[in-house]
Amino acid sequence: MKECDLNVRLIDVTVGEAFEMLKPLFEPMLKEAVEKAVLAATEEKEVYGIPGIQKLMGNCCKSKAQQVKNSGVLDPAITQNGRKITVNVPLAKKLLKAASLI
């Protein structure tokens, strides 16, 4: 990082120079946010509904998630009470890998 001149007007600073000056301030916050997101994603034990199955399969389309649910591959991992679908994530991942779907 090059030295910044404190006598330069803010309007004369380029985007690159501003980015370089602000980068040390935002890097720790960004790393912390990424770590929290990764931790939250790995701790997730259940997902809900067809959108949860989509997320589990890596953001596939809604119709593909519905096909997988209807195929019976995930039946051991799915609990459905009325319209509410709950999917056990660790078991579903094992079943999807066994079926070569992820």
N, C-alpha and C. Protein backbone atom coordinates (compact mmCIF):
# COMPACT_ATOMS: atom_id res chain seq x y z
N MET A 1 0.85 -1.17 0.00
CA MET A 1 0.00 0.00 0.00
C MET A 1 0.89 1.23 0.00
N LYS A 2 0.61 2.14 -0.87
CA LYS A 2 1.42 3.35 -0.93
C LYS A 2 0.90 4.37 0.08
N GLU A 3 1.78 5.29 0.41
CA GLU A 3 1.42 6.34 1.36
C GLU A 3 0.36 7.26 0.76
N CYS A 4 -0.58 7.66 1.58
CA CYS A 4 -1.59 8.60 1.09
C CYS A 4 -1.19 10.02 1.51
N ASP A 5 -1.40 10.93 0.62
CA ASP A 5 -1.08 12.33 0.86
C ASP A 5 -2.30 12.98 1.50
N LEU A 6 -2.15 13.48 2.70
CA LEU A 6 -3.27 14.08 3.42
C LEU A 6 -3.67 15.44 2.88
N ASN A 7 -2.88 15.99 1.97
CA ASN A 7 -3.19 17.30 1.40
C ASN A 7 -3.97 17.21 0.10
N VAL A 8 -4.28 16.01 -0.35
CA VAL A 8 -5.04 15.83 -1.59
C VAL A 8 -6.52 15.97 -1.26
N ARG A 9 -7.22 16.72 -2.10
CA ARG A 9 -8.66 16.88 -1.89
C ARG A 9 -9.37 15.55 -2.14
N LEU A 10 -10.42 15.31 -1.44
CA LEU A 10 -11.17 14.07 -1.58
C LEU A 10 -11.71 13.90 -2.99
N ILE A 11 -12.08 14.98 -3.61
CA ILE A 11 -12.62 14.92 -4.97
C ILE A 11 -11.55 14.51 -5.99
N ASP A 12 -10.27 14.69 -5.64
CA ASP A 12 -9.18 14.36 -6.56
C ASP A 12 -8.67 12.93 -6.37
N VAL A 13 -9.19 12.23 -5.41
CA VAL A 13 -8.77 10.85 -5.16
C VAL A 13 -9.48 9.93 -6.15
N THR A 14 -8.73 9.03 -6.77
CA THR A 14 -9.33 8.07 -7.70
C THR A 14 -10.02 6.96 -6.92
N VAL A 15 -10.82 6.19 -7.61
CA VAL A 15 -11.52 5.07 -6.97
C VAL A 15 -10.51 4.06 -6.44
N GLY A 16 -9.48 3.80 -7.21
CA GLY A 16 -8.44 2.85 -6.79
C GLY A 16 -7.73 3.30 -5.53
N GLU A 17 -7.40 4.59 -5.47
CA GLU A 17 -6.73 5.13 -4.29
C GLU A 17 -7.66 5.08 -3.08
N ALA A 18 -8.93 5.40 -3.27
CA ALA A 18 -9.89 5.34 -2.17
C ALA A 18 -10.05 3.91 -1.69
N PHE A 19 -10.10 2.98 -2.65
CA PHE A 19 -10.23 1.57 -2.29
C PHE A 19 -9.03 1.10 -1.47
N GLU A 20 -7.84 1.47 -1.90
CA GLU A 20 -6.63 1.08 -1.18
C GLU A 20 -6.60 1.67 0.23
N MET A 21 -7.11 2.88 0.39
CA MET A 21 -7.13 3.51 1.72
C MET A 21 -8.15 2.85 2.64
N LEU A 22 -9.28 2.45 2.09
CA LEU A 22 -10.35 1.89 2.91
C LEU A 22 -10.25 0.37 3.09
N LYS A 23 -9.45 -0.28 2.26
CA LYS A 23 -9.33 -1.74 2.30
C LYS A 23 -8.95 -2.27 3.69
N PRO A 24 -7.95 -1.70 4.38
CA PRO A 24 -7.61 -2.21 5.71
C PRO A 24 -8.74 -2.08 6.72
N LEU A 25 -9.62 -1.12 6.51
CA LEU A 25 -10.73 -0.95 7.44
C LEU A 25 -11.81 -2.02 7.26
N PHE A 26 -12.03 -2.43 6.01
CA PHE A 26 -13.13 -3.34 5.73
C PHE A 26 -12.74 -4.81 5.68
N GLU A 27 -11.45 -5.13 5.50
CA GLU A 27 -11.03 -6.52 5.41
C GLU A 27 -11.41 -7.35 6.64
N PRO A 28 -11.14 -6.88 7.87
CA PRO A 28 -11.51 -7.69 9.03
C PRO A 28 -13.02 -7.93 9.13
N MET A 29 -13.81 -6.93 8.80
CA MET A 29 -15.27 -7.09 8.85
C MET A 29 -15.74 -8.09 7.81
N LEU A 30 -15.14 -8.05 6.63
CA LEU A 30 -15.52 -8.96 5.56
C LEU A 30 -15.16 -10.40 5.92
N LYS A 31 -13.97 -10.59 6.46
CA LYS A 31 -13.55 -11.94 6.86
C LYS A 31 -14.48 -12.49 7.94
N GLU A 32 -14.84 -11.65 8.90
CA GLU A 32 -15.73 -12.08 9.98
C GLU A 32 -17.11 -12.45 9.44
N ALA A 33 -17.62 -11.68 8.50
CA ALA A 33 -18.92 -11.96 7.91
C ALA A 33 -18.90 -13.27 7.13
N VAL A 34 -17.82 -13.52 6.41
CA VAL A 34 -17.70 -14.76 5.65
C VAL A 34 -17.62 -15.96 6.60
N GLU A 35 -16.85 -15.83 7.66
CA GLU A 35 -16.73 -16.92 8.63
C GLU A 35 -18.08 -17.22 9.28
N LYS A 36 -18.85 -16.20 9.62
CA LYS A 36 -20.17 -16.41 10.20
C LYS A 36 -21.11 -17.10 9.23
N ALA A 37 -21.05 -16.71 7.96
CA ALA A 37 -21.91 -17.30 6.94
C ALA A 37 -21.57 -18.77 6.74
N VAL A 38 -20.29 -19.09 6.70
CA VAL A 38 -19.86 -20.48 6.52
C VAL A 38 -20.27 -21.30 7.73
N LEU A 39 -20.10 -20.76 8.90
CA LEU A 39 -20.47 -21.46 10.12
C LEU A 39 -21.97 -21.71 10.17
N ALA A 40 -22.76 -20.72 9.80
CA ALA A 40 -24.21 -20.88 9.80
C ALA A 40 -24.65 -21.92 8.78
N ALA A 41 -24.00 -21.96 7.64
CA ALA A 41 -24.37 -22.92 6.60
C ALA A 41 -24.02 -24.34 7.01
N THR A 42 -22.90 -24.52 7.71
CA THR A 42 -22.51 -25.86 8.12
C THR A 42 -23.28 -26.34 9.34
N GLU A 43 -23.79 -25.43 10.15
CA GLU A 43 -24.54 -25.81 11.34
C GLU A 43 -26.00 -26.15 11.03
N GLU A 44 -26.46 -25.79 9.86
CA GLU A 44 -27.86 -25.97 9.53
C GLU A 44 -28.20 -27.45 9.51
N LYS A 45 -29.14 -27.85 10.34
CA LYS A 45 -29.52 -29.26 10.46
C LYS A 45 -30.77 -29.58 9.67
N GLU A 46 -31.60 -28.57 9.40
CA GLU A 46 -32.84 -28.79 8.67
C GLU A 46 -33.06 -27.65 7.69
N VAL A 47 -33.69 -27.99 6.57
CA VAL A 47 -34.17 -26.98 5.63
C VAL A 47 -35.65 -27.24 5.43
N TYR A 48 -36.35 -26.23 4.96
CA TYR A 48 -37.80 -26.33 4.87
C TYR A 48 -38.29 -26.11 3.45
N GLY A 49 -39.18 -26.96 3.03
CA GLY A 49 -39.87 -26.79 1.76
C GLY A 49 -39.02 -27.07 0.54
N ILE A 50 -39.63 -26.84 -0.60
CA ILE A 50 -38.95 -27.01 -1.88
C ILE A 50 -37.77 -26.04 -2.00
N PRO A 51 -37.90 -24.77 -1.54
CA PRO A 51 -36.73 -23.89 -1.58
C PRO A 51 -35.55 -24.42 -0.76
N GLY A 52 -35.83 -25.11 0.33
CA GLY A 52 -34.77 -25.73 1.12
C GLY A 52 -34.08 -26.84 0.37
N ILE A 53 -34.85 -27.64 -0.37
CA ILE A 53 -34.27 -28.71 -1.19
C ILE A 53 -33.44 -28.10 -2.31
N GLN A 54 -33.92 -27.00 -2.89
CA GLN A 54 -33.15 -26.30 -3.93
C GLN A 54 -31.80 -25.86 -3.38
N LYS A 55 -31.82 -25.26 -2.21
CA LYS A 55 -30.59 -24.77 -1.57
C LYS A 55 -29.65 -25.94 -1.28
N LEU A 56 -30.21 -27.05 -0.82
CA LEU A 56 -29.45 -28.24 -0.49
C LEU A 56 -28.74 -28.81 -1.72
N MET A 57 -29.40 -28.70 -2.87
CA MET A 57 -28.84 -29.25 -4.11
C MET A 57 -28.00 -28.22 -4.87
N GLY A 58 -27.71 -27.10 -4.25
CA GLY A 58 -26.85 -26.11 -4.89
C GLY A 58 -27.61 -25.14 -5.77
N ASN A 59 -28.77 -24.70 -5.31
CA ASN A 59 -29.59 -23.72 -6.04
C ASN A 59 -30.03 -24.22 -7.41
N CYS A 60 -30.57 -25.44 -7.43
CA CYS A 60 -31.13 -25.96 -8.68
C CYS A 60 -32.50 -25.32 -8.90
N CYS A 61 -33.13 -25.63 -10.00
CA CYS A 61 -34.43 -25.04 -10.29
C CYS A 61 -35.52 -25.71 -9.45
N LYS A 62 -36.63 -25.04 -9.31
CA LYS A 62 -37.73 -25.51 -8.48
C LYS A 62 -38.29 -26.84 -8.99
N SER A 63 -38.39 -26.98 -10.30
CA SER A 63 -38.95 -28.21 -10.87
C SER A 63 -38.05 -29.41 -10.60
N LYS A 64 -36.73 -29.22 -10.63
CA LYS A 64 -35.79 -30.31 -10.35
C LYS A 64 -35.89 -30.73 -8.88
N ALA A 65 -36.00 -29.76 -7.97
CA ALA A 65 -36.16 -30.07 -6.55
C ALA A 65 -37.45 -30.84 -6.31
N GLN A 66 -38.52 -30.44 -7.00
CA GLN A 66 -39.80 -31.14 -6.87
C GLN A 66 -39.69 -32.56 -7.42
N GLN A 67 -38.98 -32.75 -8.52
CA GLN A 67 -38.78 -34.08 -9.10
C GLN A 67 -38.03 -34.99 -8.13
N VAL A 68 -36.98 -34.46 -7.50
CA VAL A 68 -36.19 -35.25 -6.55
C VAL A 68 -37.05 -35.62 -5.35
N LYS A 69 -37.84 -34.69 -4.86
CA LYS A 69 -38.73 -34.98 -3.74
C LYS A 69 -39.75 -36.06 -4.11
N ASN A 70 -40.35 -35.93 -5.29
CA ASN A 70 -41.37 -36.89 -5.73
C ASN A 70 -40.78 -38.25 -6.10
N SER A 71 -39.48 -38.31 -6.45
CA SER A 71 -38.86 -39.56 -6.86
C SER A 71 -38.72 -40.54 -5.69
N GLY A 72 -38.68 -40.03 -4.48
CA GLY A 72 -38.55 -40.90 -3.31
C GLY A 72 -37.13 -41.03 -2.82
N VAL A 73 -36.18 -40.42 -3.50
CA VAL A 73 -34.78 -40.50 -3.09
C VAL A 73 -34.59 -39.93 -1.69
N LEU A 74 -35.28 -38.84 -1.39
CA LEU A 74 -35.12 -38.16 -0.11
C LEU A 74 -36.15 -38.58 0.95
N ASP A 75 -36.98 -39.56 0.66
CA ASP A 75 -38.04 -39.93 1.59
C ASP A 75 -37.56 -40.20 3.02
N PRO A 76 -36.44 -40.91 3.22
CA PRO A 76 -35.99 -41.11 4.61
C PRO A 76 -35.61 -39.81 5.33
N ALA A 77 -35.24 -38.79 4.58
CA ALA A 77 -34.80 -37.53 5.19
C ALA A 77 -35.92 -36.51 5.31
N ILE A 78 -37.07 -36.79 4.69
CA ILE A 78 -38.17 -35.82 4.65
C ILE A 78 -39.24 -36.17 5.68
N THR A 79 -39.66 -35.16 6.40
CA THR A 79 -40.83 -35.26 7.28
C THR A 79 -41.83 -34.25 6.77
N GLN A 80 -43.01 -34.70 6.43
CA GLN A 80 -44.02 -33.78 5.91
C GLN A 80 -45.25 -33.86 6.80
N ASN A 81 -45.62 -32.70 7.33
CA ASN A 81 -46.80 -32.59 8.16
C ASN A 81 -47.72 -31.59 7.48
N GLY A 82 -48.73 -32.10 6.79
CA GLY A 82 -49.60 -31.22 6.01
C GLY A 82 -48.83 -30.64 4.85
N ARG A 83 -48.75 -29.32 4.78
CA ARG A 83 -48.02 -28.67 3.70
C ARG A 83 -46.57 -28.35 4.07
N LYS A 84 -46.22 -28.56 5.33
CA LYS A 84 -44.86 -28.20 5.79
C LYS A 84 -43.91 -29.38 5.55
N ILE A 85 -42.84 -29.11 4.80
CA ILE A 85 -41.82 -30.11 4.49
C ILE A 85 -40.56 -29.76 5.27
N THR A 86 -40.04 -30.72 6.04
CA THR A 86 -38.81 -30.54 6.78
C THR A 86 -37.82 -31.59 6.30
N VAL A 87 -36.62 -31.15 5.92
CA VAL A 87 -35.61 -32.07 5.39
C VAL A 87 -34.40 -32.08 6.32
N ASN A 88 -34.01 -33.27 6.76
CA ASN A 88 -32.82 -33.47 7.58
C ASN A 88 -31.60 -33.34 6.66
N VAL A 89 -30.79 -32.30 6.85
CA VAL A 89 -29.70 -31.98 5.93
C VAL A 89 -28.61 -33.05 5.87
N PRO A 90 -28.05 -33.50 6.99
CA PRO A 90 -26.97 -34.50 6.87
C PRO A 90 -27.43 -35.79 6.18
N LEU A 91 -28.60 -36.27 6.52
CA LEU A 91 -29.12 -37.50 5.90
C LEU A 91 -29.42 -37.27 4.43
N ALA A 92 -29.99 -36.12 4.09
CA ALA A 92 -30.32 -35.81 2.70
C ALA A 92 -29.06 -35.73 1.85
N LYS A 93 -27.99 -35.16 2.38
CA LYS A 93 -26.74 -35.08 1.63
C LYS A 93 -26.19 -36.48 1.35
N LYS A 94 -26.26 -37.36 2.33
CA LYS A 94 -25.80 -38.74 2.12
C LYS A 94 -26.64 -39.43 1.05
N LEU A 95 -27.96 -39.25 1.11
CA LEU A 95 -28.84 -39.88 0.14
C LEU A 95 -28.61 -39.33 -1.27
N LEU A 96 -28.42 -38.03 -1.39
CA LEU A 96 -28.19 -37.42 -2.69
C LEU A 96 -26.85 -37.86 -3.28
N LYS A 97 -25.83 -38.01 -2.44
CA LYS A 97 -24.54 -38.49 -2.93
C LYS A 97 -24.65 -39.94 -3.37
N ALA A 98 -25.39 -40.75 -2.61
CA ALA A 98 -25.58 -42.15 -2.97
C ALA A 98 -26.32 -42.28 -4.31
N ALA A 99 -27.24 -41.36 -4.56
CA ALA A 99 -28.02 -41.39 -5.80
C ALA A 99 -27.32 -40.62 -6.92
N SER A 100 -26.11 -40.10 -6.64
CA SER A 100 -25.31 -39.34 -7.61
C SER A 100 -26.03 -38.12 -8.15
N LEU A 101 -26.79 -37.44 -7.28
CA LEU A 101 -27.50 -36.23 -7.69
C LEU A 101 -26.75 -34.96 -7.29
N ILE A 102 -25.76 -35.07 -6.39
CA ILE A 102 -24.91 -33.90 -6.08
C ILE A 102 -23.47 -34.33 -6.09
